Amino acid sequence: MQVSVETTSNIERRMTIGVPAQEIDQAVEKRLQNTARTVKMNGFRPGKVPLSVVRRRFGDSVRQEVVGEVMRDSYVKALEEKDIAPAGWPRFEPKTMEAGKDLEFVAIFEVMPEIEVGDLSKIEVEKPKAEVADKDIDTMIDNLRRQQADMKSVKRKSKKKDVVNIDFKGYVDGEAFEGGEAQGHKLTLGSGQMIPGFEEGIIGAKAGEELEIEVTFPEDYQNEELAGKAAKFEIKVNDVQEPVLPELDEEFFKKFGIEAADEAGFREEVKKNMERELKQAVSNKVKNDVVEGLLETTELEVPQALIDQEIDRLRQDAVQRFGGQMDPKQLPAELFTDQAKRRVKTGLLFQELVKQNDLKASPEKVDEKIQEIASTYEQPDEVVAHFNSNPQQKAQIESAVLEDEVVDFVLSQAKVKEKKMKYEEAVQAGQQQR
């Protein structure tokens, strides 16, 4: 077997492989002899079909099968011989396949890129600095109460946090536009669900009133045909409802899985949950900045095979998340390409930093992470035991801890700037993905 390898890019290789005709012919002959012993043909007893008849009937298809198997086997042997690790399965391009001639084909495949991580000192990270204030707890408890509130119709003028039932129709340049009309639409005033000025224009209206408001669509509005344009809405207020908030008692506390005897105990548990959320949000924001910095400072060509694999995972996740029964392959790959490419690049960079700097997930930090997760459950000891007895789930924790080690390593060399934020701002910053 003759093998030569051509480097066509940083990650693509063209491997030309030659296999002697004798090796192919012997394999074809052996396959035909085996076929002759088992094939059933009219006019012949089983096992008595002449080899010449079998060769005439099955020769081409058998040769095609053998050539395919030889190409695959030869490719694997050539990889071992050249000590090459491919990133995915190759594309075969036959050059000569005629009977009696040496087989020659080209295997085109990708390899893992050689990674030279960029200058970590050039990475800039903005770390939110925030705390949970009493007013943040007040707001959170108010939101929880509103989630459980009963609604009561009122005859007074509407105000913020009321829920109005409205019919509306929108016009731009005097013409009604698609998507600008609804009947019986429920809207919480002050929620920011509608474009600026819309909800404000309804505040102060009573049930039964009809009004017109003028607003302007934002310049970055998702519908480009409406972006930046002035609009008029005709609105009829069908009903105005105010929330009747539940009492802060044990029955209310239990709806959120909190065992508390009084409001003070409930507030303390809510504060703990908010502090956990804040800590996670800060961690997410910092990690996102680290990833963004690594991607900006490191040029990295990614094997398409790895991107395709990640696209398949994202497709499956999407179908599972929405509870659908469709074939994930029906979802267009373009929907996931950018996210898949980012994930693959991030994974390769993290792996390289782990390898270069001998980073490890220490057992102590893994246990600490498990304890942290378990603390959010009613029976933390059972959760700890579950992780420790489930190697697959514990491996996921170890992977998460190792990612944290990479982030901490980058932070030790990056430019980190703390920015004071309110609780809500910090949480939102942690939820945003650039």
Protein backbone atom coordinates (compact mmCIF):
# COMPACT_ATOMS: atom_id res chain seq x y z
CA MET A 1 0.00 0.00 0.00
CA GLN A 2 1.34 3.39 -1.04
CA VAL A 3 0.36 6.48 0.94
CA SER A 4 1.05 10.18 0.44
CA VAL A 5 -0.46 13.10 2.35
CA GLU A 6 -0.99 16.65 1.07
CA THR A 7 -1.76 19.55 3.42
CA THR A 8 -4.34 21.72 1.68
CA SER A 9 -5.17 23.99 4.64
CA ASN A 10 -4.53 24.29 8.35
CA ILE A 11 -7.08 21.56 9.01
CA GLU A 12 -7.70 19.79 5.66
CA ARG A 13 -5.64 16.88 4.35
CA ARG A 14 -5.72 14.97 1.04
CA MET A 15 -4.42 11.45 1.47
CA THR A 16 -3.71 9.50 -1.73
CA ILE A 17 -3.70 5.74 -1.23
CA GLY A 18 -2.71 3.06 -3.71
CA VAL A 19 -3.63 -0.62 -3.29
CA PRO A 20 -2.16 -3.33 -5.58
CA ALA A 21 -4.58 -4.86 -8.09
CA GLN A 22 -3.65 -8.34 -6.88
CA GLU A 23 -4.99 -7.58 -3.39
CA ILE A 24 -8.31 -6.40 -4.81
CA ASP A 25 -8.63 -9.29 -7.26
CA GLN A 26 -7.91 -11.89 -4.56
CA ALA A 27 -10.52 -10.40 -2.27
CA VAL A 28 -13.09 -10.30 -5.08
CA GLU A 29 -12.37 -13.92 -6.05
CA LYS A 30 -12.71 -15.08 -2.45
CA ARG A 31 -16.02 -13.25 -2.07
CA LEU A 32 -17.35 -14.79 -5.31
CA GLN A 33 -16.37 -18.30 -4.16
CA ASN A 34 -18.22 -17.76 -0.88
CA THR A 35 -21.22 -16.48 -2.83
CA ALA A 36 -21.20 -19.55 -5.07
CA ARG A 37 -21.50 -21.84 -2.03
CA THR A 38 -24.62 -20.09 -0.72
CA VAL A 39 -26.43 -18.48 -3.65
CA LYS A 40 -29.72 -19.90 -4.94
CA MET A 41 -30.36 -19.75 -8.69
CA ASN A 42 -33.02 -21.38 -10.82
CA GLY A 43 -31.74 -24.50 -12.54
CA PHE A 44 -28.96 -25.20 -10.04
CA ARG A 45 -28.86 -27.03 -6.74
CA PRO A 46 -27.67 -24.95 -3.75
CA GLY A 47 -23.88 -24.83 -3.66
CA LYS A 48 -23.58 -26.17 -7.24
CA VAL A 49 -23.80 -22.93 -9.19
CA PRO A 50 -20.72 -22.67 -11.46
CA LEU A 51 -18.28 -19.95 -10.47
CA SER A 52 -18.36 -18.55 -14.01
CA VAL A 53 -22.13 -18.01 -13.71
CA VAL A 54 -21.74 -16.39 -10.29
CA ARG A 55 -18.97 -14.14 -11.64
CA ARG A 56 -21.09 -13.07 -14.60
CA ARG A 57 -24.14 -12.40 -12.42
CA PHE A 58 -22.55 -10.85 -9.32
CA GLY A 59 -19.02 -9.85 -10.37
CA ASP A 60 -19.61 -6.08 -10.67
CA SER A 61 -21.56 -5.71 -7.42
CA VAL A 62 -19.11 -7.86 -5.46
CA ARG A 63 -16.18 -5.87 -6.79
CA GLN A 64 -17.92 -2.64 -5.78
CA GLU A 65 -18.47 -3.98 -2.25
CA VAL A 66 -14.88 -5.14 -1.94
CA VAL A 67 -13.46 -1.85 -3.22
CA GLY A 68 -15.55 0.07 -0.68
CA GLU A 69 -14.33 -2.13 2.17
CA VAL A 70 -10.71 -1.94 1.00
CA MET A 71 -10.87 1.86 0.82
CA ARG A 72 -12.19 2.07 4.36
CA ASP A 73 -9.69 -0.45 5.75
CA SER A 74 -6.76 1.06 3.84
CA TYR A 75 -7.68 4.53 5.07
CA VAL A 76 -7.67 3.40 8.71
CA LYS A 77 -4.29 1.64 8.26
CA ALA A 78 -2.86 4.72 6.52
CA LEU A 79 -3.91 6.93 9.44
CA GLU A 80 -2.09 4.64 11.84
CA GLU A 81 0.96 4.55 9.60
CA LYS A 82 1.12 8.35 9.34
CA ASP A 83 0.05 8.90 12.96
CA ILE A 84 -2.82 11.20 11.98
CA ALA A 85 -5.95 11.79 14.08
CA PRO A 86 -8.88 12.89 11.89
CA ALA A 87 -11.65 15.16 13.16
CA GLY A 88 -14.34 13.23 11.30
CA TRP A 89 -15.04 10.66 8.58
CA PRO A 90 -13.46 11.38 5.17
CA ARG A 91 -14.84 11.91 1.68
CA PHE A 92 -13.48 9.32 -0.76
CA GLU A 93 -12.68 10.22 -4.38
CA PRO A 94 -11.66 7.17 -6.50
CA LYS A 95 -9.05 7.82 -9.19
CA THR A 96 -8.67 4.35 -10.76
CA MET A 97 -11.00 1.42 -10.07
CA GLU A 98 -10.80 -0.73 -13.23
CA ALA A 99 -10.38 -4.48 -12.79
CA GLY A 100 -6.80 -5.60 -13.25
CA LYS A 101 -5.39 -2.16 -12.36
CA ASP A 102 -4.07 -0.90 -9.03
CA LEU A 103 -6.74 0.84 -6.97
CA GLU A 104 -5.95 4.48 -6.32
CA PHE A 105 -8.17 6.85 -4.37
CA VAL A 106 -8.03 10.08 -2.41
CA ALA A 107 -9.38 10.46 1.12
CA ILE A 108 -10.19 14.09 1.97
CA PHE A 109 -10.60 14.75 5.67
CA GLU A 110 -10.09 17.29 8.44
CA VAL A 111 -7.73 17.14 11.39
CA MET A 112 -7.84 18.90 14.72
CA PRO A 113 -6.32 22.39 14.41
CA GLU A 114 -3.07 23.38 16.00
CA ILE A 115 -4.10 26.01 18.53
CA GLU A 116 -2.01 28.95 19.61
CA VAL A 117 -4.01 30.70 22.31
CA GLY A 118 -3.91 34.48 22.05
CA ASP A 119 -2.51 36.95 24.56
CA LEU A 120 -4.66 36.51 27.67
CA SER A 121 -3.51 39.86 29.06
CA LYS A 122 -5.44 41.60 26.27
CA ILE A 123 -8.75 40.13 27.38
CA GLU A 124 -11.03 42.59 29.17
CA VAL A 125 -13.61 41.32 31.66
CA GLU A 126 -16.32 43.39 33.31
CA LYS A 127 -17.35 41.82 36.62
CA PRO A 128 -20.64 43.00 38.14
CA LYS A 129 -20.45 44.02 41.78
CA ALA A 130 -23.88 43.93 43.42
CA GLU A 131 -25.72 42.86 46.52
CA VAL A 132 -29.27 41.95 47.44
CA ALA A 133 -30.83 45.01 49.10
CA ASP A 134 -34.03 45.07 51.15
CA LYS A 135 -35.88 46.84 48.32
CA ASP A 136 -34.83 44.03 45.94
CA ILE A 137 -36.38 41.51 48.32
CA ASP A 138 -39.51 43.67 48.52
CA THR A 139 -39.76 43.70 44.73
CA MET A 140 -39.24 39.95 44.49
CA ILE A 141 -41.91 39.20 47.10
CA ASP A 142 -44.29 41.60 45.37
CA ASN A 143 -43.71 39.75 42.09
CA LEU A 144 -44.32 36.39 43.80
CA ARG A 145 -47.57 37.68 45.29
CA ARG A 146 -48.71 39.00 41.91
CA GLN A 147 -48.06 35.57 40.38
CA GLN A 148 -50.62 34.13 42.83
CA ALA A 149 -53.03 37.08 42.79
CA ASP A 150 -56.73 36.95 42.01
CA MET A 151 -57.98 39.56 39.56
CA LYS A 152 -60.92 41.89 40.25
CA SER A 153 -62.59 44.20 37.75
CA VAL A 154 -62.62 47.89 38.76
CA LYS A 155 -64.46 50.99 37.51
CA ARG A 156 -61.69 53.45 38.33
CA LYS A 157 -59.01 54.77 35.99
CA SER A 158 -56.34 52.26 35.10
CA LYS A 159 -52.88 52.52 36.61
CA LYS A 160 -49.56 50.69 36.49
CA LYS A 161 -49.71 46.96 37.31
CA ASP A 162 -53.39 46.77 36.38
CA VAL A 163 -54.35 44.22 33.71
CA VAL A 164 -56.43 45.65 30.89
CA ASN A 165 -58.41 43.77 28.26
CA ILE A 166 -58.23 45.74 25.01
CA ASP A 167 -59.06 45.70 21.32
CA PHE A 168 -56.66 47.66 19.14
CA LYS A 169 -55.81 48.41 15.54
CA GLY A 170 -52.66 50.15 14.31
CA TYR A 171 -52.06 52.40 11.30
CA VAL A 172 -48.88 53.64 9.60
CA ASP A 173 -49.29 56.43 7.02
CA GLY A 174 -53.03 55.94 7.31
CA GLU A 175 -52.89 52.25 6.36
CA ALA A 176 -53.52 49.32 8.72
CA PHE A 177 -50.43 47.10 8.95
CA GLU A 178 -50.09 43.35 9.36
CA GLY A 179 -49.84 42.22 12.97
CA GLY A 180 -51.11 45.53 14.30
CA GLU A 181 -54.59 44.36 15.30
CA ALA A 182 -55.97 42.25 18.16
CA GLN A 183 -59.19 41.67 20.09
CA GLY A 184 -59.43 40.77 23.76
CA HIS A 185 -55.72 41.26 24.31
CA LYS A 186 -54.66 41.17 27.97
CA LEU A 187 -51.90 43.57 28.91
CA THR A 188 -50.23 44.36 32.23
CA LEU A 189 -49.63 48.10 32.27
CA GLY A 190 -46.02 49.00 32.94
CA SER A 191 -44.73 45.57 31.91
CA GLY A 192 -42.91 46.89 28.85
CA GLN A 193 -44.46 44.24 26.58
CA MET A 194 -45.49 46.77 23.95
CA ILE A 195 -43.52 49.45 22.11
CA PRO A 196 -42.65 52.64 24.06
CA GLY A 197 -45.64 54.91 24.61
CA PHE A 198 -48.32 52.27 24.02
CA GLU A 199 -48.89 51.22 27.64
CA GLU A 200 -48.38 54.76 28.90
CA GLY A 201 -51.16 55.91 26.57
CA ILE A 202 -53.65 53.52 28.21
CA ILE A 203 -52.85 54.47 31.80
CA GLY A 204 -55.72 56.59 33.11
CA ALA A 205 -58.37 55.04 30.86
CA LYS A 206 -61.51 53.35 32.24
CA ALA A 207 -63.38 50.27 31.06
CA GLY A 208 -65.58 51.14 28.06
CA GLU A 209 -63.41 54.04 26.88
CA GLU A 210 -62.14 54.37 23.32
CA LEU A 211 -58.96 56.30 22.62
CA GLU A 212 -56.30 57.02 20.02
CA ILE A 213 -52.59 57.14 20.78
CA GLU A 214 -49.61 58.06 18.64
CA VAL A 215 -46.33 56.24 19.08
CA THR A 216 -43.09 55.64 17.16
CA PHE A 217 -41.62 52.22 16.51
CA PRO A 218 -38.01 51.87 17.77
CA GLU A 219 -35.25 52.15 15.18
CA ASP A 220 -34.13 48.59 16.00
CA TYR A 221 -37.65 47.11 15.81
CA GLN A 222 -37.58 43.52 14.51
CA ASN A 223 -39.91 44.32 11.61
CA GLU A 224 -37.71 46.49 9.41
CA GLU A 225 -40.71 47.83 7.48
CA LEU A 226 -42.02 49.43 10.70
CA ALA A 227 -38.72 50.39 12.35
CA GLY A 228 -38.53 54.09 13.15
CA LYS A 229 -42.00 54.86 11.75
CA ALA A 230 -44.76 56.85 13.46
CA ALA A 231 -47.99 54.95 14.10
CA LYS A 232 -51.50 55.60 15.35
CA PHE A 233 -53.47 53.05 17.38
CA GLU A 234 -57.22 52.99 17.90
CA ILE A 235 -57.85 51.29 21.25
CA LYS A 236 -60.99 50.17 23.06
CA VAL A 237 -60.61 49.30 26.76
CA ASN A 238 -62.95 46.38 27.48
CA ASP A 239 -62.04 45.79 31.11
CA VAL A 240 -59.68 46.99 33.83
CA GLN A 241 -58.64 44.57 36.56
CA GLU A 242 -56.52 45.02 39.63
CA PRO A 243 -54.65 42.20 41.36
CA VAL A 244 -55.84 41.14 44.81
CA LEU A 245 -52.60 40.04 46.47
CA PRO A 246 -52.54 36.99 48.77
CA GLU A 247 -51.58 37.28 52.44
CA LEU A 248 -48.02 36.49 53.47
CA ASP A 249 -48.86 33.38 55.47
CA GLU A 250 -47.66 29.77 55.70
CA GLU A 251 -50.03 28.63 52.94
CA PHE A 252 -48.50 31.20 50.58
CA PHE A 253 -44.92 30.31 51.60
CA LYS A 254 -45.50 26.61 50.87
CA LYS A 255 -46.49 27.40 47.27
CA PHE A 256 -42.83 28.23 46.69
CA GLY A 257 -41.48 25.24 48.60
CA ILE A 258 -40.48 27.35 51.60
CA GLU A 259 -41.18 26.22 55.15
CA ALA A 260 -41.39 29.43 57.19
CA ALA A 261 -43.42 30.39 60.25
CA ASP A 262 -43.56 34.11 59.50
CA GLU A 263 -42.70 36.79 56.98
CA ALA A 264 -39.20 37.30 58.42
CA GLY A 265 -38.34 33.64 57.81
CA PHE A 266 -39.80 33.79 54.33
CA ARG A 267 -37.78 36.92 53.51
CA GLU A 268 -34.60 35.21 54.65
CA GLU A 269 -35.21 32.22 52.36
CA VAL A 270 -36.07 34.50 49.45
CA LYS A 271 -32.87 36.44 50.07
CA LYS A 272 -30.80 33.23 50.00
CA ASN A 273 -32.34 32.25 46.67
CA MET A 274 -31.69 35.72 45.26
CA GLU A 275 -28.07 35.62 46.43
CA ARG A 276 -27.60 32.27 44.69
CA GLU A 277 -29.15 33.72 41.54
CA LEU A 278 -26.90 36.77 41.77
CA LYS A 279 -23.79 34.64 42.23
CA GLN A 280 -24.70 32.53 39.20
CA ALA A 281 -25.46 35.65 37.12
CA VAL A 282 -22.06 37.18 37.94
CA SER A 283 -20.38 33.86 37.08
CA ASN A 284 -22.26 33.69 33.75
CA LYS A 285 -21.34 37.27 32.87
CA VAL A 286 -17.66 36.76 33.68
CA LYS A 287 -17.49 33.46 31.81
CA ASN A 288 -19.16 35.00 28.77
CA ASP A 289 -16.61 37.84 28.76
CA VAL A 290 -13.79 35.31 29.05
CA VAL A 291 -15.13 33.26 26.14
CA GLU A 292 -15.64 36.39 24.05
CA GLY A 293 -12.10 37.50 24.82
CA LEU A 294 -10.61 34.13 23.91
CA LEU A 295 -12.48 34.09 20.60
CA GLU A 296 -11.36 37.63 19.77
CA THR A 297 -7.69 37.06 20.61
CA THR A 298 -7.29 33.63 19.01
CA GLU A 299 -7.57 32.82 15.32
CA LEU A 300 -9.02 29.35 15.04
CA GLU A 301 -10.17 27.37 12.00
CA VAL A 302 -12.75 24.79 13.04
CA PRO A 303 -13.32 21.39 11.37
CA GLN A 304 -16.72 21.30 9.71
CA ALA A 305 -17.20 17.76 11.01
CA LEU A 306 -17.20 19.05 14.59
CA ILE A 307 -19.60 21.88 13.70
CA ASP A 308 -21.98 19.39 12.07
CA GLN A 309 -21.89 17.19 15.19
CA GLU A 310 -22.71 20.18 17.40
CA ILE A 311 -25.53 21.25 15.07
CA ASP A 312 -27.07 17.78 15.48
CA ARG A 313 -26.87 18.12 19.29
CA LEU A 314 -28.49 21.56 19.18
CA ARG A 315 -31.25 20.22 16.91
CA GLN A 316 -31.99 17.40 19.35
CA ASP A 317 -31.97 19.81 22.30
CA ALA A 318 -34.43 22.09 20.49
CA VAL A 319 -36.86 19.26 19.76
CA GLN A 320 -36.67 17.98 23.36
CA ARG A 321 -37.06 21.48 24.80
CA PHE A 322 -40.28 22.11 22.91
CA GLY A 323 -41.60 18.59 23.40
CA GLY A 324 -41.98 17.92 19.70
CA GLN A 325 -42.10 14.60 17.89
CA MET A 326 -40.45 15.81 14.69
CA ASP A 327 -37.20 14.50 13.25
CA PRO A 328 -34.43 16.89 14.43
CA LYS A 329 -32.93 16.72 10.90
CA GLN A 330 -35.97 18.66 9.65
CA LEU A 331 -34.75 21.77 11.47
CA PRO A 332 -32.58 23.87 9.11
CA ALA A 333 -28.88 23.66 9.99
CA GLU A 334 -28.57 27.41 9.39
CA LEU A 335 -30.56 28.07 12.56
CA PHE A 336 -27.76 26.61 14.67
CA THR A 337 -24.59 27.18 12.64
CA ASP A 338 -23.29 30.29 14.44
CA GLN A 339 -24.03 28.89 17.90
CA ALA A 340 -22.48 25.54 17.00
CA LYS A 341 -19.32 27.17 15.65
CA ARG A 342 -18.97 29.28 18.83
CA ARG A 343 -19.46 26.23 21.05
CA VAL A 344 -16.90 24.17 19.16
CA LYS A 345 -14.33 26.97 19.21
CA THR A 346 -14.91 27.52 22.92
CA GLY A 347 -14.55 23.82 23.66
CA LEU A 348 -11.28 23.56 21.70
CA LEU A 349 -9.83 26.64 23.43
CA PHE A 350 -10.79 25.39 26.89
CA GLN A 351 -9.27 21.97 26.12
CA GLU A 352 -6.04 23.60 24.96
CA LEU A 353 -5.79 25.74 28.11
CA VAL A 354 -6.40 22.66 30.26
CA LYS A 355 -3.65 20.77 28.43
CA GLN A 356 -1.14 23.62 28.35
CA ASN A 357 -1.52 24.52 32.00
CA ASP A 358 -2.25 21.08 33.49
CA LEU A 359 -5.53 22.28 34.98
CA LYS A 360 -7.59 19.77 36.97
CA ALA A 361 -10.93 19.52 38.75
CA SER A 362 -9.84 18.75 42.29
CA PRO A 363 -12.03 16.34 44.33
CA GLU A 364 -12.43 19.06 46.95
CA LYS A 365 -13.91 21.54 44.46
CA VAL A 366 -16.12 18.87 42.93
CA ASP A 367 -17.51 18.04 46.38
CA GLU A 368 -17.98 21.75 47.06
CA LYS A 369 -19.95 22.13 43.80
CA ILE A 370 -22.14 19.15 44.65
CA GLN A 371 -22.82 20.55 48.11
CA GLU A 372 -23.75 23.89 46.56
CA ILE A 373 -26.25 22.25 44.21
CA ALA A 374 -27.63 20.01 46.98
CA SER A 375 -28.26 22.99 49.25
CA THR A 376 -31.12 24.11 46.99
CA TYR A 377 -33.08 20.88 47.65
CA GLU A 378 -35.19 19.84 50.63
CA GLN A 379 -33.11 16.67 51.21
CA PRO A 380 -29.52 17.74 50.41
CA ASP A 381 -27.95 14.54 51.77
CA GLU A 382 -29.94 12.47 49.28
CA VAL A 383 -28.80 14.71 46.43
CA VAL A 384 -25.15 14.37 47.46
CA ALA A 385 -25.51 10.59 47.65
CA HIS A 386 -27.17 10.55 44.22
CA PHE A 387 -24.27 12.40 42.56
CA ASN A 388 -21.65 10.29 44.29
CA SER A 389 -23.35 7.06 43.18
CA ASN A 390 -23.94 8.19 39.60
CA PRO A 391 -20.61 8.36 37.70
CA GLN A 392 -22.16 9.98 34.62
CA GLN A 393 -23.74 12.88 36.51
CA LYS A 394 -20.68 13.31 38.69
CA ALA A 395 -18.59 13.53 35.52
CA GLN A 396 -20.79 16.44 34.41
CA ILE A 397 -20.02 18.21 37.69
CA GLU A 398 -16.31 17.55 37.21
CA SER A 399 -16.54 19.02 33.71
CA ALA A 400 -18.27 22.15 35.07
CA VAL A 401 -15.60 22.54 37.77
CA LEU A 402 -12.86 22.18 35.16
CA GLU A 403 -14.49 24.93 33.09
CA ASP A 404 -14.46 27.13 36.20
CA GLU A 405 -10.74 26.40 36.58
CA VAL A 406 -10.14 27.57 33.00
CA VAL A 407 -12.11 30.76 33.62
CA ASP A 408 -10.18 31.44 36.82
CA PHE A 409 -6.88 30.88 35.01
CA VAL A 410 -7.81 33.36 32.28
CA LEU A 411 -9.00 35.87 34.89
CA SER A 412 -5.63 35.66 36.62
CA GLN A 413 -4.04 37.15 33.49
CA ALA A 414 -6.86 39.22 31.99
CA LYS A 415 -7.82 42.82 32.71
CA VAL A 416 -10.69 42.54 35.19
CA LYS A 417 -12.73 45.61 36.03
CA GLU A 418 -15.47 45.58 38.64
CA LYS A 419 -18.62 47.54 37.87
CA LYS A 420 -21.15 48.46 40.53
CA MET A 421 -24.65 47.41 39.58
CA LYS A 422 -28.04 47.03 41.12
CA TYR A 423 -29.24 43.48 41.74
CA GLU A 424 -31.61 43.48 38.78
CA GLU A 425 -28.95 44.90 36.41
CA ALA A 426 -26.43 42.24 37.46
CA VAL A 427 -28.95 39.42 36.95
CA GLN A 428 -29.87 40.75 33.50
CA ALA A 429 -26.18 41.06 32.59
CA GLY A 430 -25.74 37.38 33.44
CA GLN A 431 -28.63 36.38 31.22
CA GLN A 432 -27.44 38.22 28.11
CA GLN A 433 -25.44 36.27 25.53
CA ARG A 434 -23.49 38.22 22.94
